[in-house]
Amino acid sequence: MLTTIAAAQLPVLGALLAAGALAKVRTAVSESEPGALSRLGPAVLVADRWRAPAMLGCAAVEAVLLVGLAVTGHPLFRWGTAAFFAVSTYVLWELRRRRPDVGCGCFGEVSAIPVGLRSLGRTMTLTAMAVGTVWAPPVSGWSTLAGITWHQIAAAAGGLLVLAALSPEIEEAAARLRHRAPCEQRPLDPATALNRLRSSTAWRAHEGLLSSTDPVDSWRELCWRFFVYPGRSHTGDPADVVFAVYLSGRHPAVRVAMVGADGRQIEIGSLRESIPVSAGH
């Protein structure tokens, strides 16, 4: 039974690799929105001139793995796919830590939502799926698809449902269909963003640092709404606590940073996923 479930994930992995490769090529070549690559991983981890090549290189790796899985049952491509998704998980973790304001870029510009636990969970699930195929019968993906059984169809459908539940891009795509505009261009009442902030874990974790629960400044940048509150650092010095609320999704990302009187960011304990902003914006 386990080998049946593992073999059924070959078409699922192929579909995800194909979708990811095509979306990355389209984004890197067209860049329909100016500066789109500056908001997507892994392109943001390299210099400007290397962002498009990095995205295309990632798409090329996906294409090679896709062809290998489709035409052969050699374990090299199955282990390669597992390694690719394992490395992707690490890269997403680094993005979440170093650049929590950018999207994973997994499916090009559609994946502009900040990296969250769902995106990480998806790559971890894909890694597990790919590892599982190593112990499946050594047949090509095409052969598996041609001779697929009802049990394998059910297993593949289950895998797709899990991946769909872990894909925030589906919500973003649905939002674009409803609003017919990218997140950056959609109007959103600041009061709605404020309510999202005050119901977030980040707010509850850092409310004790605030001198007042009324913001002294607020502004919007693209798909983020920023709120500035007066507060004090752990040493008792006056500081500004800056919250950033992502304006899309049912469970939007909320980031926080503390800025001193000199405009420099102050470390606030265990939270390392903060956005370096200036309180004097």
C-alpha atoms as a PDB file:
ATOM      1  CA  MET A   1       0.000   0.000   0.000  1.00  0.00           C
ATOM      2  CA  LEU A   2       2.781   2.442   0.888  1.00  0.00           C
ATOM      3  CA  THR A   3       4.561   1.813  -2.410  1.00  0.00           C
ATOM      4  CA  THR A   4       1.262   2.396  -4.232  1.00  0.00           C
ATOM      5  CA  ILE A   5       0.821   5.751  -2.491  1.00  0.00           C
ATOM      6  CA  ALA A   6       4.450   6.693  -3.173  1.00  0.00           C
ATOM      7  CA  ALA A   7       4.231   5.797  -6.869  1.00  0.00           C
ATOM      8  CA  ALA A   8       1.036   7.825  -7.196  1.00  0.00           C
ATOM      9  CA  GLN A   9       2.916  10.972  -6.197  1.00  0.00           C
ATOM     10  CA  LEU A  10       5.091  10.900  -9.346  1.00  0.00           C
ATOM     11  CA  PRO A  11       2.410  12.676 -11.456  1.00  0.00           C
ATOM     12  CA  VAL A  12       1.830  15.125  -8.585  1.00  0.00           C
ATOM     13  CA  LEU A  13       5.520  15.987  -8.368  1.00  0.00           C
ATOM     14  CA  GLY A  14       5.673  16.319 -12.151  1.00  0.00           C
ATOM     15  CA  ALA A  15       2.701  18.695 -12.189  1.00  0.00           C
ATOM     16  CA  LEU A  16       4.242  20.907  -9.466  1.00  0.00           C
ATOM     17  CA  LEU A  17       7.633  20.960 -11.198  1.00  0.00           C
ATOM     18  CA  ALA A  18       6.027  21.864 -14.540  1.00  0.00           C
ATOM     19  CA  ALA A  19       3.873  24.614 -13.026  1.00  0.00           C
ATOM     20  CA  GLY A  20       6.813  26.055 -11.107  1.00  0.00           C
ATOM     21  CA  ALA A  21       9.163  26.042 -14.103  1.00  0.00           C
ATOM     22  CA  LEU A  22       6.658  27.644 -16.482  1.00  0.00           C
ATOM     23  CA  ALA A  23       5.642  30.319 -13.972  1.00  0.00           C
ATOM     24  CA  LYS A  24       9.268  31.224 -13.207  1.00  0.00           C
ATOM     25  CA  VAL A  25      10.172  31.512 -16.895  1.00  0.00           C
ATOM     26  CA  ARG A  26       7.150  33.720 -17.538  1.00  0.00           C
ATOM     27  CA  THR A  27       7.987  35.978 -14.603  1.00  0.00           C
ATOM     28  CA  ALA A  28      11.703  36.246 -15.434  1.00  0.00           C
ATOM     29  CA  VAL A  29      11.127  36.927 -19.127  1.00  0.00           C
ATOM     30  CA  SER A  30       8.129  39.240 -19.031  1.00  0.00           C
ATOM     31  CA  GLU A  31       8.344  40.854 -15.566  1.00  0.00           C
ATOM     32  CA  SER A  32       4.857  42.251 -16.111  1.00  0.00           C
ATOM     33  CA  GLU A  33       5.126  44.399 -12.978  1.00  0.00           C
ATOM     34  CA  PRO A  34       8.183  46.670 -12.614  1.00  0.00           C
ATOM     35  CA  GLY A  35      10.446  45.450  -9.856  1.00  0.00           C
ATOM     36  CA  ALA A  36       8.582  42.150  -9.528  1.00  0.00           C
ATOM     37  CA  LEU A  37      11.807  40.166  -9.114  1.00  0.00           C
ATOM     38  CA  SER A  38      12.855  42.392  -6.215  1.00  0.00           C
ATOM     39  CA  ARG A  39       9.898  41.002  -4.246  1.00  0.00           C
ATOM     40  CA  LEU A  40      10.417  37.320  -5.015  1.00  0.00           C
ATOM     41  CA  GLY A  41      12.758  34.620  -3.791  1.00  0.00           C
ATOM     42  CA  PRO A  42      15.300  33.328  -4.456  1.00  0.00           C
ATOM     43  CA  ALA A  43      16.043  36.287  -6.763  1.00  0.00           C
ATOM     44  CA  VAL A  44      16.241  38.757  -3.841  1.00  0.00           C
ATOM     45  CA  LEU A  45      19.204  36.843  -2.411  1.00  0.00           C
ATOM     46  CA  VAL A  46      21.450  37.792  -5.352  1.00  0.00           C
ATOM     47  CA  ALA A  47      22.534  41.049  -7.019  1.00  0.00           C
ATOM     48  CA  ASP A  48      20.085  42.831  -9.330  1.00  0.00           C
ATOM     49  CA  ARG A  49      21.721  41.717 -12.572  1.00  0.00           C
ATOM     50  CA  TRP A  50      21.585  38.060 -11.481  1.00  0.00           C
ATOM     51  CA  ARG A  51      17.940  37.986 -10.425  1.00  0.00           C
ATOM     52  CA  ALA A  52      16.459  36.955 -13.767  1.00  0.00           C
ATOM     53  CA  PRO A  53      19.230  34.356 -14.422  1.00  0.00           C
ATOM     54  CA  ALA A  54      18.695  32.942 -10.920  1.00  0.00           C
ATOM     55  CA  MET A  55      14.983  32.541 -11.558  1.00  0.00           C
ATOM     56  CA  LEU A  56      15.629  30.965 -14.968  1.00  0.00           C
ATOM     57  CA  GLY A  57      18.284  28.678 -13.497  1.00  0.00           C
ATOM     58  CA  CYS A  58      15.826  27.427 -10.893  1.00  0.00           C
ATOM     59  CA  ALA A  59      13.272  26.815 -13.658  1.00  0.00           C
ATOM     60  CA  ALA A  60      15.886  24.895 -15.668  1.00  0.00           C
ATOM     61  CA  VAL A  61      16.589  22.591 -12.708  1.00  0.00           C
ATOM     62  CA  GLU A  62      12.865  21.942 -12.351  1.00  0.00           C
ATOM     63  CA  ALA A  63      12.580  21.190 -16.069  1.00  0.00           C
ATOM     64  CA  VAL A  64      15.473  18.685 -15.954  1.00  0.00           C
ATOM     65  CA  LEU A  65      13.955  16.913 -12.957  1.00  0.00           C
ATOM     66  CA  LEU A  66      10.550  16.873 -14.642  1.00  0.00           C
ATOM     67  CA  VAL A  67      11.907  15.246 -17.794  1.00  0.00           C
ATOM     68  CA  GLY A  68      13.941  12.771 -15.747  1.00  0.00           C
ATOM     69  CA  LEU A  69      10.935  11.701 -13.673  1.00  0.00           C
ATOM     70  CA  ALA A  70       8.739  11.471 -16.764  1.00  0.00           C
ATOM     71  CA  VAL A  71      10.957   9.341 -19.010  1.00  0.00           C
ATOM     72  CA  THR A  72      12.926   7.171 -16.579  1.00  0.00           C
ATOM     73  CA  GLY A  73      12.623   5.477 -13.219  1.00  0.00           C
ATOM     74  CA  HIS A  74      16.289   6.040 -12.356  1.00  0.00           C
ATOM     75  CA  PRO A  75      16.751   6.874  -8.662  1.00  0.00           C
ATOM     76  CA  LEU A  76      19.111   9.735  -9.574  1.00  0.00           C
ATOM     77  CA  PHE A  77      16.191  11.936 -10.607  1.00  0.00           C
ATOM     78  CA  ARG A  78      14.073  10.888  -7.654  1.00  0.00           C
ATOM     79  CA  TRP A  79      16.835  11.674  -5.173  1.00  0.00           C
ATOM     80  CA  GLY A  80      17.541  14.851  -7.144  1.00  0.00           C
ATOM     81  CA  THR A  81      13.910  15.921  -6.763  1.00  0.00           C
ATOM     82  CA  ALA A  82      14.033  15.232  -3.027  1.00  0.00           C
ATOM     83  CA  ALA A  83      17.259  17.257  -2.743  1.00  0.00           C
ATOM     84  CA  PHE A  84      15.738  20.114  -4.764  1.00  0.00           C
ATOM     85  CA  PHE A  85      12.725  20.439  -2.482  1.00  0.00           C
ATOM     86  CA  ALA A  86      14.879  20.014   0.640  1.00  0.00           C
ATOM     87  CA  VAL A  87      17.124  22.870  -0.512  1.00  0.00           C
ATOM     88  CA  SER A  88      14.004  24.881  -1.367  1.00  0.00           C
ATOM     89  CA  THR A  89      12.790  24.426   2.209  1.00  0.00           C
ATOM     90  CA  TYR A  90      16.095  25.783   3.525  1.00  0.00           C
ATOM     91  CA  VAL A  91      15.992  28.744   1.108  1.00  0.00           C
ATOM     92  CA  LEU A  92      12.436  29.596   2.171  1.00  0.00           C
ATOM     93  CA  TRP A  93      13.494  29.443   5.814  1.00  0.00           C
ATOM     94  CA  GLU A  94      16.319  31.865   5.069  1.00  0.00           C
ATOM     95  CA  LEU A  95      13.943  34.165   3.197  1.00  0.00           C
ATOM     96  CA  ARG A  96      11.514  34.128   6.121  1.00  0.00           C
ATOM     97  CA  ARG A  97      14.384  34.989   8.469  1.00  0.00           C
ATOM     98  CA  ARG A  98      16.300  37.524   6.367  1.00  0.00           C
ATOM     99  CA  ARG A  99      13.612  39.003   4.097  1.00  0.00           C
ATOM    100  CA  PRO A 100      10.185  38.384   5.665  1.00  0.00           C
ATOM    101  CA  ASP A 101       8.641  40.978   3.327  1.00  0.00           C
ATOM    102  CA  VAL A 102       9.156  38.999   0.096  1.00  0.00           C
ATOM    103  CA  GLY A 103       7.369  36.041  -1.447  1.00  0.00           C
ATOM    104  CA  CYS A 104       8.819  32.620  -2.168  1.00  0.00           C
ATOM    105  CA  GLY A 105       8.585  32.967  -5.965  1.00  0.00           C
ATOM    106  CA  CYS A 106       7.698  29.253  -6.127  1.00  0.00           C
ATOM    107  CA  PHE A 107       5.205  29.974  -8.899  1.00  0.00           C
ATOM    108  CA  GLY A 108       6.634  33.229 -10.169  1.00  0.00           C
ATOM    109  CA  GLU A 109       4.871  36.497  -9.456  1.00  0.00           C
ATOM    110  CA  VAL A 110       1.793  34.646  -8.179  1.00  0.00           C
ATOM    111  CA  SER A 111       3.864  33.661  -5.127  1.00  0.00           C
ATOM    112  CA  ALA A 112       4.411  37.213  -3.916  1.00  0.00           C
ATOM    113  CA  ILE A 113       2.798  36.536  -0.541  1.00  0.00           C
ATOM    114  CA  PRO A 114       5.393  36.654   2.282  1.00  0.00           C
ATOM    115  CA  VAL A 115       6.812  33.259   3.142  1.00  0.00           C
ATOM    116  CA  GLY A 116       4.833  31.668   5.948  1.00  0.00           C
ATOM    117  CA  LEU A 117       4.440  28.314   7.626  1.00  0.00           C
ATOM    118  CA  ARG A 118       2.164  27.075   4.845  1.00  0.00           C
ATOM    119  CA  SER A 119       4.779  27.653   2.145  1.00  0.00           C
ATOM    120  CA  LEU A 120       7.390  25.931   4.305  1.00  0.00           C
ATOM    121  CA  GLY A 121       4.993  23.072   4.990  1.00  0.00           C
ATOM    122  CA  ARG A 122       4.393  22.645   1.267  1.00  0.00           C
ATOM    123  CA  THR A 123       8.074  22.237   0.392  1.00  0.00           C
ATOM    124  CA  MET A 124       8.535  19.857   3.321  1.00  0.00           C
ATOM    125  CA  THR A 125       5.581  17.800   2.069  1.00  0.00           C
ATOM    126  CA  LEU A 126       7.025  17.765  -1.445  1.00  0.00           C
ATOM    127  CA  THR A 127      10.366  16.635  -0.025  1.00  0.00           C
ATOM    128  CA  ALA A 128       8.660  13.749   1.771  1.00  0.00           C
ATOM    129  CA  MET A 129       6.743  12.832  -1.404  1.00  0.00           C
ATOM    130  CA  ALA A 130       9.949  12.812  -3.445  1.00  0.00           C
ATOM    131  CA  VAL A 131      11.780  10.675  -0.873  1.00  0.00           C
ATOM    132  CA  GLY A 132       8.875   8.238  -0.918  1.00  0.00           C
ATOM    133  CA  THR A 133       9.175   7.735  -4.680  1.00  0.00           C
ATOM    134  CA  VAL A 134      12.702   6.346  -4.202  1.00  0.00           C
ATOM    135  CA  TRP A 135      11.157   3.153  -2.816  1.00  0.00           C
ATOM    136  CA  ALA A 136       8.439   3.014  -5.487  1.00  0.00           C
ATOM    137  CA  PRO A 137       8.844   0.659  -8.496  1.00  0.00           C
ATOM    138  CA  PRO A 138      11.559   1.985 -10.884  1.00  0.00           C
ATOM    139  CA  VAL A 139       9.209   2.934 -13.714  1.00  0.00           C
ATOM    140  CA  SER A 140       8.870   6.235 -15.532  1.00  0.00           C
ATOM    141  CA  GLY A 141       6.252   8.796 -14.661  1.00  0.00           C
ATOM    142  CA  TRP A 142       4.603   8.340 -18.050  1.00  0.00           C
ATOM    143  CA  SER A 143       4.265   4.597 -17.432  1.00  0.00           C
ATOM    144  CA  THR A 144       2.806   5.237 -14.003  1.00  0.00           C
ATOM    145  CA  LEU A 145       0.298   7.698 -15.422  1.00  0.00           C
ATOM    146  CA  ALA A 146      -0.651   5.385 -18.308  1.00  0.00           C
ATOM    147  CA  GLY A 147      -1.299   2.441 -16.004  1.00  0.00           C
ATOM    148  CA  ILE A 148      -2.662   4.348 -13.032  1.00  0.00           C
ATOM    149  CA  THR A 149      -5.173   2.497 -10.858  1.00  0.00           C
ATOM    150  CA  TRP A 150      -8.106   3.836  -8.877  1.00  0.00           C
ATOM    151  CA  HIS A 151      -6.120   3.430  -5.672  1.00  0.00           C
ATOM    152  CA  GLN A 152      -3.332   5.529  -7.140  1.00  0.00           C
ATOM    153  CA  ILE A 153      -5.814   8.131  -8.382  1.00  0.00           C
ATOM    154  CA  ALA A 154      -7.191   8.438  -4.842  1.00  0.00           C
ATOM    155  CA  ALA A 155      -3.655   8.701  -3.421  1.00  0.00           C
ATOM    156  CA  ALA A 156      -2.661  11.352  -5.977  1.00  0.00           C
ATOM    157  CA  ALA A 157      -5.860  13.313  -5.307  1.00  0.00           C
ATOM    158  CA  GLY A 158      -5.110  13.205  -1.591  1.00  0.00           C
ATOM    159  CA  GLY A 159      -1.607  14.545  -2.212  1.00  0.00           C
ATOM    160  CA  LEU A 160      -2.971  17.353  -4.364  1.00  0.00           C
ATOM    161  CA  LEU A 161      -5.520  18.303  -1.698  1.00  0.00           C
ATOM    162  CA  VAL A 162      -2.792  18.511   0.953  1.00  0.00           C
ATOM    163  CA  LEU A 163      -0.644  20.688  -1.319  1.00  0.00           C
ATOM    164  CA  ALA A 164      -3.637  22.883  -2.167  1.00  0.00           C
ATOM    165  CA  ALA A 165      -4.315  23.438   1.540  1.00  0.00           C
ATOM    166  CA  LEU A 166      -0.674  24.487   1.958  1.00  0.00           C
ATOM    167  CA  SER A 167      -0.702  26.875  -1.027  1.00  0.00           C
ATOM    168  CA  PRO A 168      -1.487  30.521  -0.172  1.00  0.00           C
ATOM    169  CA  GLU A 169      -1.284  31.293  -3.908  1.00  0.00           C
ATOM    170  CA  ILE A 170      -4.767  29.840  -4.336  1.00  0.00           C
ATOM    171  CA  GLU A 171      -6.232  32.478  -2.016  1.00  0.00           C
ATOM    172  CA  GLU A 172      -4.276  35.216  -3.788  1.00  0.00           C
ATOM    173  CA  ALA A 173      -5.459  34.006  -7.200  1.00  0.00           C
ATOM    174  CA  ALA A 174      -9.054  33.953  -5.956  1.00  0.00           C
ATOM    175  CA  ALA A 175      -8.616  37.477  -4.564  1.00  0.00           C
ATOM    176  CA  ARG A 176      -7.279  38.681  -7.925  1.00  0.00           C
ATOM    177  CA  LEU A 177     -10.281  37.187  -9.687  1.00  0.00           C
ATOM    178  CA  ARG A 178     -12.613  38.956  -7.267  1.00  0.00           C
ATOM    179  CA  HIS A 179     -10.846  42.312  -7.345  1.00  0.00           C
ATOM    180  CA  ARG A 180      -9.211  42.044 -10.788  1.00  0.00           C
ATOM    181  CA  ALA A 181      -6.193  43.906  -9.448  1.00  0.00           C
ATOM    182  CA  PRO A 182      -2.961  42.889  -7.706  1.00  0.00           C
ATOM    183  CA  CYS A 183      -2.730  43.362  -3.963  1.00  0.00           C
ATOM    184  CA  GLU A 184      -0.623  46.512  -4.378  1.00  0.00           C
ATOM    185  CA  GLN A 185      -3.485  48.269  -6.185  1.00  0.00           C
ATOM    186  CA  ARG A 186      -6.429  47.156  -4.066  1.00  0.00           C
ATOM    187  CA  PRO A 187      -7.966  49.693  -1.687  1.00  0.00           C
ATOM    188  CA  LEU A 188      -8.113  48.640   1.952  1.00  0.00           C
ATOM    189  CA  ASP A 189      -9.401  50.658   4.887  1.00  0.00           C
ATOM    190  CA  PRO A 190      -6.550  51.351   7.364  1.00  0.00           C
ATOM    191  CA  ALA A 191      -8.974  50.424  10.150  1.00  0.00           C
ATOM    192  CA  THR A 192      -9.233  46.909   8.722  1.00  0.00           C
ATOM    193  CA  ALA A 193      -5.453  46.560   8.760  1.00  0.00           C
ATOM    194  CA  LEU A 194      -5.388  47.884  12.329  1.00  0.00           C
ATOM    195  CA  ASN A 195      -7.937  45.280  13.409  1.00  0.00           C
ATOM    196  CA  ARG A 196      -5.832  42.559  11.785  1.00  0.00           C
ATOM    197  CA  LEU A 197      -2.795  43.844  13.657  1.00  0.00           C
ATOM    198  CA  ARG A 198      -4.498  43.860  17.058  1.00  0.00           C
ATOM    199  CA  SER A 199      -5.753  40.305  16.606  1.00  0.00           C
ATOM    200  CA  SER A 200      -2.298  39.007  15.667  1.00  0.00           C
ATOM    201  CA  THR A 201       0.205  37.041  17.725  1.00  0.00           C
ATOM    202  CA  ALA A 202       2.871  39.687  17.024  1.00  0.00           C
ATOM    203  CA  TRP A 203       0.720  42.366  18.668  1.00  0.00           C
ATOM    204  CA  ARG A 204       0.055  40.280  21.783  1.00  0.00           C
ATOM    205  CA  ALA A 205       3.727  39.361  22.063  1.00  0.00           C
ATOM    206  CA  HIS A 206       4.974  42.956  21.905  1.00  0.00           C
ATOM    207  CA  GLU A 207       2.123  45.007  23.355  1.00  0.00           C
ATOM    208  CA  GLY A 208       4.049  45.252  26.612  1.00  0.00           C
ATOM    209  CA  LEU A 209       6.746  47.313  24.864  1.00  0.00           C
ATOM    210  CA  LEU A 210       4.271  50.062  23.917  1.00  0.00           C
ATOM    211  CA  SER A 211       3.838  53.307  25.829  1.00  0.00           C
ATOM    212  CA  SER A 212       0.504  53.871  24.078  1.00  0.00           C
ATOM    213  CA  THR A 213      -1.847  51.679  22.068  1.00  0.00           C
ATOM    214  CA  ASP A 214      -2.619  54.524  19.667  1.00  0.00           C
ATOM    215  CA  PRO A 215      -0.356  54.746  16.600  1.00  0.00           C
ATOM    216  CA  VAL A 216       1.549  57.979  16.048  1.00  0.00           C
ATOM    217  CA  ASP A 217       2.082  57.349  12.334  1.00  0.00           C
ATOM    218  CA  SER A 218       0.806  55.061   9.613  1.00  0.00           C
ATOM    219  CA  TRP A 219       1.472  54.641   5.910  1.00  0.00           C
ATOM    220  CA  ARG A 220       1.135  52.124   3.123  1.00  0.00           C
ATOM    221  CA  GLU A 221       3.845  50.690   0.877  1.00  0.00           C
ATOM    222  CA  LEU A 222       2.647  48.355  -1.892  1.00  0.00           C
ATOM    223  CA  CYS A 223       0.854  45.503  -0.087  1.00  0.00           C
ATOM    224  CA  TRP A 224       1.983  46.459   3.428  1.00  0.00           C
ATOM    225  CA  ARG A 225       0.437  48.845   5.962  1.00  0.00           C
ATOM    226  CA  PHE A 226       2.843  50.194   8.597  1.00  0.00           C
ATOM    227  CA  PHE A 227       1.881  51.416  12.087  1.00  0.00           C
ATOM    228  CA  VAL A 228       4.280  53.229  14.419  1.00  0.00           C
ATOM    229  CA  TYR A 229       3.780  53.221  18.199  1.00  0.00           C
ATOM    230  CA  PRO A 230       5.763  54.943  20.940  1.00  0.00           C
ATOM    231  CA  GLY A 231       7.511  52.483  23.210  1.00  0.00           C
ATOM    232  CA  ARG A 232      10.591  51.661  25.223  1.00  0.00           C
ATOM    233  CA  SER A 233      13.391  49.212  24.627  1.00  0.00           C
ATOM    234  CA  HIS A 234      14.385  46.555  27.141  1.00  0.00           C
ATOM    235  CA  THR A 235      16.949  49.014  28.494  1.00  0.00           C
ATOM    236  CA  GLY A 236      14.242  51.632  29.098  1.00  0.00           C
ATOM    237  CA  ASP A 237      15.264  53.977  26.285  1.00  0.00           C
ATOM    238  CA  PRO A 238      12.513  55.623  24.190  1.00  0.00           C
ATOM    239  CA  ALA A 239      11.952  53.865  20.888  1.00  0.00           C
ATOM    240  CA  ASP A 240       9.422  53.446  18.118  1.00  0.00           C
ATOM    241  CA  VAL A 241       7.769  50.052  17.647  1.00  0.00           C
ATOM    242  CA  VAL A 242       6.887  49.547  13.981  1.00  0.00           C
ATOM    243  CA  PHE A 243       4.365  46.923  12.911  1.00  0.00           C
ATOM    244  CA  ALA A 244       3.896  45.910   9.281  1.00  0.00           C
ATOM    245  CA  VAL A 245       0.663  44.177   8.235  1.00  0.00           C
ATOM    246  CA  TYR A 246       0.358  42.361   4.908  1.00  0.00           C
ATOM    247  CA  LEU A 247      -2.887  43.383   3.230  1.00  0.00           C
ATOM    248  CA  SER A 248      -3.928  40.123   1.604  1.00  0.00           C
ATOM    249  CA  GLY A 249      -5.019  36.689   2.766  1.00  0.00           C
ATOM    250  CA  ARG A 250      -7.235  35.417   5.556  1.00  0.00           C
ATOM    251  CA  HIS A 251      -4.277  35.140   7.939  1.00  0.00           C
ATOM    252  CA  PRO A 252      -1.979  37.984   6.845  1.00  0.00           C
ATOM    253  CA  ALA A 253       1.641  38.146   7.897  1.00  0.00           C
ATOM    254  CA  VAL A 254       2.504  40.665  10.621  1.00  0.00           C
ATOM    255  CA  ARG A 255       6.110  41.767  11.204  1.00  0.00           C
ATOM    256  CA  VAL A 256       7.548  44.026  13.881  1.00  0.00           C
ATOM    257  CA  ALA A 257      10.714  46.034  14.425  1.00  0.00           C
ATOM    258  CA  MET A 258      11.952  48.493  17.047  1.00  0.00           C
ATOM    259  CA  VAL A 259      13.735  51.660  15.965  1.00  0.00           C
ATOM    260  CA  GLY A 260      15.774  53.888  18.271  1.00  0.00           C
ATOM    261  CA  ALA A 261      16.006  57.670  18.311  1.00  0.00           C
ATOM    262  CA  ASP A 262      19.038  57.464  16.002  1.00  0.00           C
ATOM    263  CA  GLY A 263      17.020  55.598  13.355  1.00  0.00           C
ATOM    264  CA  ARG A 264      18.803  52.304  13.928  1.00  0.00           C
ATOM    265  CA  GLN A 265      17.006  49.036  14.495  1.00  0.00           C
ATOM    266  CA  ILE A 266      17.053  47.664  18.034  1.00  0.00           C
ATOM    267  CA  GLU A 267      17.065  43.928  18.677  1.00  0.00           C
ATOM    268  CA  ILE A 268      13.861  42.896  20.453  1.00  0.00           C
ATOM    269  CA  GLY A 269      14.653  39.534  21.934  1.00  0.00           C
ATOM    270  CA  SER A 270      13.896  36.340  20.067  1.00  0.00           C
ATOM    271  CA  LEU A 271      12.081  37.938  17.126  1.00  0.00           C
ATOM    272  CA  ARG A 272      14.488  37.998  14.209  1.00  0.00           C
ATOM    273  CA  GLU A 273      11.980  38.231  11.356  1.00  0.00           C
ATOM    274  CA  SER A 274      11.642  41.997  11.451  1.00  0.00           C
ATOM    275  CA  ILE A 275      11.631  44.482   8.619  1.00  0.00           C
ATOM    276  CA  PRO A 276      14.313  47.159   8.740  1.00  0.00           C
ATOM    277  CA  VAL A 277      12.269  50.345   8.474  1.00  0.00           C
ATOM    278  CA  SER A 278      12.893  53.900   9.507  1.00  0.00           C
ATOM    279  CA  ALA A 279      10.491  55.538  11.915  1.00  0.00           C
ATOM    280  CA  GLY A 280      11.113  58.836  10.187  1.00  0.00           C
ATOM    281  CA  HIS A 281       9.569  57.637   6.918  1.00  0.00           C
END
